[in-house]
PDB file of N, CA and C in Angstrom:
ATOM      1  N   UNK A   1      25.377-132.616 -92.591  1.00  0.00           N
ATOM      2  CA  UNK A   1      26.015-133.829 -92.132  1.00  0.00           C
ATOM      3  C   UNK A   1      25.445-134.949 -93.283  1.00  0.00           C
ATOM      4  N   UNK A   2      26.408-135.618 -93.917  1.00  0.00           N
ATOM      5  CA  UNK A   2      26.144-136.846 -94.681  1.00  0.00           C
ATOM      6  C   UNK A   2      25.733-138.040 -94.095  1.00  0.00           C
ATOM      7  N   UNK A   3      24.960-138.921 -94.923  1.00  0.00           N
ATOM      8  CA  UNK A   3      24.692-140.098 -94.279  1.00  0.00           C
ATOM      9  C   UNK A   3      25.132-140.720 -93.529  1.00  0.00           C
ATOM     10  N   UNK A   4      26.773-140.973 -93.922  1.00  0.00           N
ATOM     11  CA  UNK A   4      27.619-141.916 -93.329  1.00  0.00           C
ATOM     12  C   UNK A   4      28.258-141.006 -92.065  1.00  0.00           C
ATOM     13  N   UNK A   5      28.067-139.788 -92.065  1.00  0.00           N
ATOM     14  CA  UNK A   5      28.661-139.292 -90.616  1.00  0.00           C
ATOM     15  C   UNK A   5      27.194-139.270 -89.766  1.00  0.00           C
ATOM     16  N   UNK A   6      26.079-139.380 -90.150  1.00  0.00           N
ATOM     17  CA  UNK A   6      25.016-139.541 -89.415  1.00  0.00           C
ATOM     18  C   UNK A   6      24.890-140.887 -88.651  1.00  0.00           C
ATOM     19  N   UNK A   7      24.955-141.857 -89.531  1.00  0.00           N
ATOM     20  CA  UNK A   7      25.265-143.129 -89.018  1.00  0.00           C
ATOM     21  C   UNK A   7      26.421-143.563 -88.003  1.00  0.00           C
ATOM     22  N   UNK A   8      27.318-142.804 -88.151  1.00  0.00           N
ATOM     23  CA  UNK A   8      28.644-143.206 -87.280  1.00  0.00           C
ATOM     24  C   UNK A   8      28.278-142.363 -86.038  1.00  0.00           C
ATOM     25  N   UNK A   9      27.361-141.356 -86.302  1.00  0.00           N
ATOM     26  CA  UNK A   9      27.140-140.556 -84.810  1.00  0.00           C
ATOM     27  C   UNK A   9      26.056-141.518 -83.962  1.00  0.00           C
ATOM     28  N   UNK A  10      25.037-141.713 -84.616  1.00  0.00           N
ATOM     29  CA  UNK A  10      23.900-142.644 -84.173  1.00  0.00           C
ATOM     30  C   UNK A  10      24.672-143.832 -83.522  1.00  0.00           C
ATOM     31  N   UNK A  11      25.629-144.613 -84.320  1.00  0.00           N
ATOM     32  CA  UNK A  11      26.126-145.815 -83.685  1.00  0.00           C
ATOM     33  C   UNK A  11      27.154-145.455 -82.625  1.00  0.00           C
ATOM     34  N   UNK A  12      27.854-144.430 -82.359  1.00  0.00           N
ATOM     35  CA  UNK A  12      28.566-144.223 -81.362  1.00  0.00           C
ATOM     36  C   UNK A  12      27.955-143.829 -80.368  1.00  0.00           C
ATOM     37  N   UNK A  13      26.681-143.741 -80.421  1.00  0.00           N
ATOM     38  CA  UNK A  13      25.616-142.698 -79.291  1.00  0.00           C
ATOM     39  C   UNK A  13      25.383-144.265 -78.588  1.00  0.00           C
ATOM     40  N   UNK A  14      25.050-145.478 -79.055  1.00  0.00           N
ATOM     41  CA  UNK A  14      24.390-146.598 -78.734  1.00  0.00           C
ATOM     42  C   UNK A  14      25.239-147.068 -77.678  1.00  0.00           C
ATOM     43  N   UNK A  15      26.867-146.666 -77.526  1.00  0.00           N
ATOM     44  CA  UNK A  15      27.811-147.306 -76.627  1.00  0.00           C
ATOM     45  C   UNK A  15      27.673-146.894 -75.095  1.00  0.00           C
ATOM     46  N   UNK A  16      27.798-147.687 -74.051  1.00  0.00           N
ATOM     47  CA  UNK A  16      28.049-146.840 -72.819  1.00  0.00           C
ATOM     48  C   UNK A  16      29.208-146.123 -72.981  1.00  0.00           C
ATOM     49  N   UNK A  17      29.248-145.170 -72.080  1.00  0.00           N
ATOM     50  CA  UNK A  17      30.574-143.996 -71.894  1.00  0.00           C
ATOM     51  C   UNK A  17      31.714-145.025 -71.129  1.00  0.00           C
ATOM     52  N   UNK A  18      32.740-144.263 -71.280  1.00  0.00           N
ATOM     53  CA  UNK A  18      33.980-144.732 -70.613  1.00  0.00           C
ATOM     54  C   UNK A  18      33.838-144.953 -69.259  1.00  0.00           C
ATOM     55  N   UNK A  19      33.371-143.894 -68.789  1.00  0.00           N
ATOM     56  CA  UNK A  19      33.002-143.766 -67.560  1.00  0.00           C
ATOM     57  C   UNK A  19      31.940-145.062 -66.782  1.00  0.00           C
ATOM     58  N   UNK A  20      31.007-145.145 -67.680  1.00  0.00           N
ATOM     59  CA  UNK A  20      30.014-146.225 -67.375  1.00  0.00           C
ATOM     60  C   UNK A  20      30.378-147.545 -67.403  1.00  0.00           C
ATOM     61  N   UNK A  21      31.490-147.817 -68.157  1.00  0.00           N
ATOM     62  CA  UNK A  21      32.240-149.133 -68.359  1.00  0.00           C
ATOM     63  C   UNK A  21      33.551-149.164 -67.639  1.00  0.00           C
ATOM     64  N   UNK A  22      33.847-148.157 -67.002  1.00  0.00           N
ATOM     65  CA  UNK A  22      35.056-148.087 -66.054  1.00  0.00           C
ATOM     66  C   UNK A  22      34.117-148.624 -64.499  1.00  0.00           C
ATOM     67  N   UNK A  23      33.002-148.010 -64.362  1.00  0.00           N
ATOM     68  CA  UNK A  23      32.240-148.462 -63.216  1.00  0.00           C
ATOM     69  C   UNK A  23      31.948-149.790 -63.156  1.00  0.00           C
ATOM     70  N   UNK A  24      31.458-150.460 -64.432  1.00  0.00           N
ATOM     71  CA  UNK A  24      30.946-151.824 -64.807  1.00  0.00           C
ATOM     72  C   UNK A  24      31.988-152.478 -64.340  1.00  0.00           C
ATOM     73  N   UNK A  25      33.174-152.089 -64.525  1.00  0.00           N
ATOM     74  CA  UNK A  25      34.198-153.021 -64.425  1.00  0.00           C
ATOM     75  C   UNK A  25      34.806-153.202 -62.989  1.00  0.00           C
ATOM     76  N   UNK A  26      34.801-152.075 -62.359  1.00  0.00           N
ATOM     77  CA  UNK A  26      35.011-152.083 -60.856  1.00  0.00           C
ATOM     78  C   UNK A  26      33.864-152.581 -60.049  1.00  0.00           C
ATOM     79  N   UNK A  27      32.815-152.814 -60.524  1.00  0.00           N
ATOM     80  CA  UNK A  27      31.730-153.415 -59.854  1.00  0.00           C
ATOM     81  C   UNK A  27      31.990-154.822 -59.785  1.00  0.00           C
ATOM     82  N   UNK A  28      32.112-155.264 -61.209  1.00  0.00           N
ATOM     83  CA  UNK A  28      32.629-156.692 -61.283  1.00  0.00           C
ATOM     84  C   UNK A  28      33.779-157.302 -60.700  1.00  0.00           C
ATOM     85  N   UNK A  29      34.839-156.543 -60.301  1.00  0.00           N
ATOM     86  CA  UNK A  29      36.226-156.481 -59.692  1.00  0.00           C
ATOM     87  C   UNK A  29      35.614-156.897 -58.013  1.00  0.00           C
ATOM     88  N   UNK A  30      34.600-156.239 -57.787  1.00  0.00           N
ATOM     89  CA  UNK A  30      34.065-156.244 -56.347  1.00  0.00           C
ATOM     90  C   UNK A  30      33.118-157.381 -55.971  1.00  0.00           C
ATOM     91  N   UNK A  31      32.639-158.167 -56.943  1.00  0.00           N
ATOM     92  CA  UNK A  31      31.596-159.126 -56.825  1.00  0.00           C
ATOM     93  C   UNK A  31      32.031-160.488 -56.474  1.00  0.00           C
ATOM     94  N   UNK A  32      31.457-160.881 -55.373  1.00  0.00           N
ATOM     95  CA  UNK A  32      32.028-162.457 -55.170  1.00  0.00           C
ATOM     96  C   UNK A  32      31.451-163.465 -55.988  1.00  0.00           C
ATOM     97  N   UNK A  33      31.977-163.680 -57.329  1.00  0.00           N
ATOM     98  CA  UNK A  33      31.729-164.620 -58.093  1.00  0.00           C
ATOM     99  C   UNK A  33      32.560-165.659 -58.343  1.00  0.00           C
ATOM    100  N   UNK A  34      31.986-166.856 -58.859  1.00  0.00           N
ATOM    101  CA  UNK A  34      32.920-167.871 -59.038  1.00  0.00           C
ATOM    102  C   UNK A  34      33.925-167.604 -60.141  1.00  0.00           C
ATOM    103  N   UNK A  35      35.046-168.311 -60.357  1.00  0.00           N
ATOM    104  CA  UNK A  35      35.907-168.066 -61.161  1.00  0.00           C
ATOM    105  C   UNK A  35      35.313-167.755 -62.623  1.00  0.00           C
ATOM    106  N   UNK A  36      34.578-168.906 -63.157  1.00  0.00           N
ATOM    107  CA  UNK A  36      34.024-169.050 -64.377  1.00  0.00           C
ATOM    108  C   UNK A  36      33.112-167.975 -64.853  1.00  0.00           C
ATOM    109  N   UNK A  37      32.334-167.734 -63.924  1.00  0.00           N
ATOM    110  CA  UNK A  37      30.995-166.823 -63.965  1.00  0.00           C
ATOM    111  C   UNK A  37      31.963-165.134 -63.977  1.00  0.00           C
ATOM    112  N   UNK A  38      32.945-164.971 -63.510  1.00  0.00           N
ATOM    113  CA  UNK A  38      33.741-163.580 -63.337  1.00  0.00           C
ATOM    114  C   UNK A  38      34.416-163.697 -64.643  1.00  0.00           C
ATOM    115  N   UNK A  39      34.749-164.548 -65.251  1.00  0.00           N
ATOM    116  CA  UNK A  39      35.509-164.676 -66.251  1.00  0.00           C
ATOM    117  C   UNK A  39      34.728-164.241 -67.494  1.00  0.00           C
ATOM    118  N   UNK A  40      33.776-164.954 -67.572  1.00  0.00           N
ATOM    119  CA  UNK A  40      32.349-164.826 -68.736  1.00  0.00           C
ATOM    120  C   UNK A  40      31.873-163.395 -68.506  1.00  0.00           C
ATOM    121  N   UNK A  41      31.685-162.670 -67.284  1.00  0.00           N
ATOM    122  CA  UNK A  41      31.337-161.200 -67.444  1.00  0.00           C
ATOM    123  C   UNK A  41      32.669-160.253 -67.648  1.00  0.00           C
ATOM    124  N   UNK A  42      33.624-160.640 -67.380  1.00  0.00           N
ATOM    125  CA  UNK A  42      34.844-159.783 -67.922  1.00  0.00           C
ATOM    126  C   UNK A  42      34.991-159.929 -69.397  1.00  0.00           C
ATOM    127  N   UNK A  43      34.719-161.151 -70.004  1.00  0.00           N
ATOM    128  CA  UNK A  43      34.774-160.961 -71.772  1.00  0.00           C
ATOM    129  C   UNK A  43      33.506-160.302 -72.157  1.00  0.00           C
ATOM    130  N   UNK A  44      32.378-160.435 -71.541  1.00  0.00           N
ATOM    131  CA  UNK A  44      31.378-159.540 -72.188  1.00  0.00           C
ATOM    132  C   UNK A  44      31.653-157.982 -72.168  1.00  0.00           C
ATOM    133  N   UNK A  45      32.096-157.496 -70.960  1.00  0.00           N
ATOM    134  CA  UNK A  45      32.692-156.190 -70.504  1.00  0.00           C
ATOM    135  C   UNK A  45      33.750-155.665 -71.703  1.00  0.00           C
ATOM    136  N   UNK A  46      34.918-156.712 -71.675  1.00  0.00           N
ATOM    137  CA  UNK A  46      35.837-156.600 -72.414  1.00  0.00           C
ATOM    138  C   UNK A  46      35.084-156.030 -74.159  1.00  0.00           C
ATOM    139  N   UNK A  47      34.550-157.062 -74.474  1.00  0.00           N
ATOM    140  CA  UNK A  47      33.820-157.050 -75.852  1.00  0.00           C
ATOM    141  C   UNK A  47      33.142-155.806 -76.173  1.00  0.00           C
ATOM    142  N   UNK A  48      32.444-155.467 -75.119  1.00  0.00           N
ATOM    143  CA  UNK A  48      31.705-154.110 -75.191  1.00  0.00           C
ATOM    144  C   UNK A  48      32.708-152.829 -75.270  1.00  0.00           C
ATOM    145  N   UNK A  49      33.599-152.920 -74.526  1.00  0.00           N
ATOM    146  CA  UNK A  49      34.381-151.677 -74.461  1.00  0.00           C
ATOM    147  C   UNK A  49      35.093-151.655 -75.602  1.00  0.00           C
ATOM    148  N   UNK A  50      35.764-152.927 -76.269  1.00  0.00           N
ATOM    149  CA  UNK A  50      36.350-153.019 -77.403  1.00  0.00           C
ATOM    150  C   UNK A  50      35.700-152.481 -78.422  1.00  0.00           C
ATOM    151  N   UNK A  51      34.313-152.970 -78.740  1.00  0.00           N
ATOM    152  CA  UNK A  51      33.711-152.391 -79.809  1.00  0.00           C
ATOM    153  C   UNK A  51      33.327-150.956 -79.892  1.00  0.00           C
ATOM    154  N   UNK A  52      33.247-150.438 -78.492  1.00  0.00           N
ATOM    155  CA  UNK A  52      33.367-149.006 -78.386  1.00  0.00           C
ATOM    156  C   UNK A  52      34.267-148.376 -79.093  1.00  0.00           C
ATOM    157  N   UNK A  53      35.403-148.813 -78.574  1.00  0.00           N
ATOM    158  CA  UNK A  53      36.626-148.235 -78.928  1.00  0.00           C
ATOM    159  C   UNK A  53      36.702-148.194 -80.526  1.00  0.00           C
ATOM    160  N   UNK A  54      36.419-149.338 -81.352  1.00  0.00           N
ATOM    161  CA  UNK A  54      36.755-149.701 -82.491  1.00  0.00           C
ATOM    162  C   UNK A  54      35.394-148.705 -83.213  1.00  0.00           C
ATOM    163  N   UNK A  55      34.460-148.210 -82.715  1.00  0.00           N
ATOM    164  CA  UNK A  55      33.607-147.494 -83.122  1.00  0.00           C
ATOM    165  C   UNK A  55      33.852-146.158 -82.986  1.00  0.00           C
ATOM    166  N   UNK A  56      34.606-145.590 -82.197  1.00  0.00           N
ATOM    167  CA  UNK A  56      34.919-144.269 -82.007  1.00  0.00           C
ATOM    168  C   UNK A  56      36.578-144.337 -82.648  1.00  0.00           C
ATOM    169  N   UNK A  57      37.221-144.972 -83.137  1.00  0.00           N
ATOM    170  CA  UNK A  57      38.638-144.553 -83.739  1.00  0.00           C
ATOM    171  C   UNK A  57      38.451-143.542 -84.498  1.00  0.00           C
ATOM    172  N   UNK A  58      39.486-142.681 -84.461  1.00  0.00           N
ATOM    173  CA  UNK A  58      39.808-141.494 -85.054  1.00  0.00           C
ATOM    174  C   UNK A  58      39.065-140.330 -84.525  1.00  0.00           C
ATOM    175  N   UNK A  59      38.483-140.517 -82.899  1.00  0.00           N
ATOM    176  CA  UNK A  59      38.064-139.442 -82.467  1.00  0.00           C
ATOM    177  C   UNK A  59      38.932-139.625 -81.099  1.00  0.00           C
ATOM    178  N   UNK A  60      38.783-138.486 -80.443  1.00  0.00           N
ATOM    179  CA  UNK A  60      39.236-138.423 -79.011  1.00  0.00           C
ATOM    180  C   UNK A  60      38.902-139.515 -77.884  1.00  0.00           C
ATOM    181  N   UNK A  61      37.713-139.722 -78.110  1.00  0.00           N
ATOM    182  CA  UNK A  61      37.024-140.710 -77.224  1.00  0.00           C
ATOM    183  C   UNK A  61      37.886-142.264 -77.519  1.00  0.00           C
ATOM    184  N   UNK A  62      38.210-142.453 -78.423  1.00  0.00           N
ATOM    185  CA  UNK A  62      38.782-143.971 -78.808  1.00  0.00           C
ATOM    186  C   UNK A  62      40.020-143.802 -77.792  1.00  0.00           C
ATOM    187  N   UNK A  63      40.910-142.983 -77.536  1.00  0.00           N
ATOM    188  CA  UNK A  63      42.007-143.042 -76.923  1.00  0.00           C
ATOM    189  C   UNK A  63      41.452-143.390 -75.191  1.00  0.00           C
ATOM    190  N   UNK A  64      40.418-142.756 -74.852  1.00  0.00           N
ATOM    191  CA  UNK A  64      39.882-142.879 -73.376  1.00  0.00           C
ATOM    192  C   UNK A  64      39.430-144.513 -73.479  1.00  0.00           C
ATOM    193  N   UNK A  65      38.557-144.917 -74.380  1.00  0.00           N
ATOM    194  CA  UNK A  65      38.349-146.388 -74.296  1.00  0.00           C
ATOM    195  C   UNK A  65      39.499-147.295 -74.412  1.00  0.00           C
ATOM    196  N   UNK A  66      40.676-147.262 -75.240  1.00  0.00           N
ATOM    197  CA  UNK A  66      41.618-147.970 -75.397  1.00  0.00           C
ATOM    198  C   UNK A  66      42.625-147.742 -73.861  1.00  0.00           C
ATOM    199  N   UNK A  67      42.409-146.667 -73.379  1.00  0.00           N
ATOM    200  CA  UNK A  67      43.192-146.520 -71.689  1.00  0.00           C
ATOM    201  C   UNK A  67      42.616-147.392 -70.890  1.00  0.00           C
ATOM    202  N   UNK A  68      41.209-147.537 -71.107  1.00  0.00           N
ATOM    203  CA  UNK A  68      40.425-148.505 -70.148  1.00  0.00           C
ATOM    204  C   UNK A  68      40.863-149.932 -70.533  1.00  0.00           C
ATOM    205  N   UNK A  69      40.747-150.265 -71.632  1.00  0.00           N
ATOM    206  CA  UNK A  69      41.118-151.641 -72.040  1.00  0.00           C
ATOM    207  C   UNK A  69      42.475-151.943 -71.628  1.00  0.00           C
ATOM    208  N   UNK A  70      43.360-151.152 -71.480  1.00  0.00           N
ATOM    209  CA  UNK A  70      44.754-151.164 -71.073  1.00  0.00           C
ATOM    210  C   UNK A  70      44.662-151.325 -69.701  1.00  0.00           C
ATOM    211  N   UNK A  71      43.868-150.531 -68.761  1.00  0.00           N
ATOM    212  CA  UNK A  71      43.770-150.793 -67.440  1.00  0.00           C
ATOM    213  C   UNK A  71      43.213-151.925 -67.142  1.00  0.00           C
ATOM    214  N   UNK A  72      41.974-152.427 -67.919  1.00  0.00           N
ATOM    215  CA  UNK A  72      41.142-153.476 -67.844  1.00  0.00           C
ATOM    216  C   UNK A  72      42.165-154.887 -67.747  1.00  0.00           C
ATOM    217  N   UNK A  73      42.846-154.872 -68.787  1.00  0.00           N
ATOM    218  CA  UNK A  73      43.641-155.810 -68.642  1.00  0.00           C
ATOM    219  C   UNK A  73      44.662-156.168 -67.592  1.00  0.00           C
ATOM    220  N   UNK A  74      45.349-155.026 -67.124  1.00  0.00           N
ATOM    221  CA  UNK A  74      46.574-155.069 -66.427  1.00  0.00           C
ATOM    222  C   UNK A  74      45.759-155.377 -64.985  1.00  0.00           C
ATOM    223  N   UNK A  75      44.699-154.869 -64.642  1.00  0.00           N
ATOM    224  CA  UNK A  75      44.177-155.185 -63.359  1.00  0.00           C
ATOM    225  C   UNK A  75      43.604-156.335 -63.158  1.00  0.00           C
ATOM    226  N   UNK A  76      42.687-156.996 -64.525  1.00  0.00           N
ATOM    227  CA  UNK A  76      42.329-158.599 -64.367  1.00  0.00           C
ATOM    228  C   UNK A  76      43.371-159.223 -64.371  1.00  0.00           C
ATOM    229  N   UNK A  77      44.673-159.294 -65.031  1.00  0.00           N
ATOM    230  CA  UNK A  77      45.613-160.112 -64.823  1.00  0.00           C
ATOM    231  C   UNK A  77      46.276-160.347 -63.647  1.00  0.00           C
ATOM    232  N   UNK A  78      46.386-158.847 -62.882  1.00  0.00           N
ATOM    233  CA  UNK A  78      46.953-158.999 -61.489  1.00  0.00           C
ATOM    234  C   UNK A  78      45.748-159.755 -60.723  1.00  0.00           C
ATOM    235  N   UNK A  79      44.593-159.578 -60.838  1.00  0.00           N
ATOM    236  CA  UNK A  79      43.651-160.406 -60.025  1.00  0.00           C
ATOM    237  C   UNK A  79      43.740-161.679 -60.008  1.00  0.00           C
ATOM    238  N   UNK A  80      43.659-162.132 -61.235  1.00  0.00           N
ATOM    239  CA  UNK A  80      43.883-163.668 -61.521  1.00  0.00           C
ATOM    240  C   UNK A  80      45.162-163.866 -60.933  1.00  0.00           C
ATOM    241  N   UNK A  81      46.432-163.435 -60.795  1.00  0.00           N
ATOM    242  CA  UNK A  81      47.379-163.885 -60.322  1.00  0.00           C
ATOM    243  C   UNK A  81      47.269-164.163 -58.772  1.00  0.00           C
ATOM    244  N   UNK A  82      46.863-163.180 -58.260  1.00  0.00           N
ATOM    245  CA  UNK A  82      46.386-162.811 -56.761  1.00  0.00           C
ATOM    246  C   UNK A  82      45.462-164.232 -55.971  1.00  0.00           C
ATOM    247  N   UNK A  83      44.445-164.519 -57.062  1.00  0.00           N
ATOM    248  CA  UNK A  83      43.394-165.398 -56.298  1.00  0.00           C
ATOM    249  C   UNK A  83      43.774-166.886 -56.812  1.00  0.00           C
TER     250      UNK A  83
END
């Protein structure tokens, strides 16, 4: 494995898995938080998921991260409409 491949592998291992990020999102949705605090936490989780997706581009995992981002977007928008 060349140096670039090793650094990519180590870098991608630093990200939480899709399952962990999805669970963190469900927890966020179920917490009774003020609107601003919830929005700040959502933004941090979104950025973390987006970074993981970007770091895994070209792999099958990227598809899972992107699907999670789409789900997060849809559910967050729906939640904002309901509240």
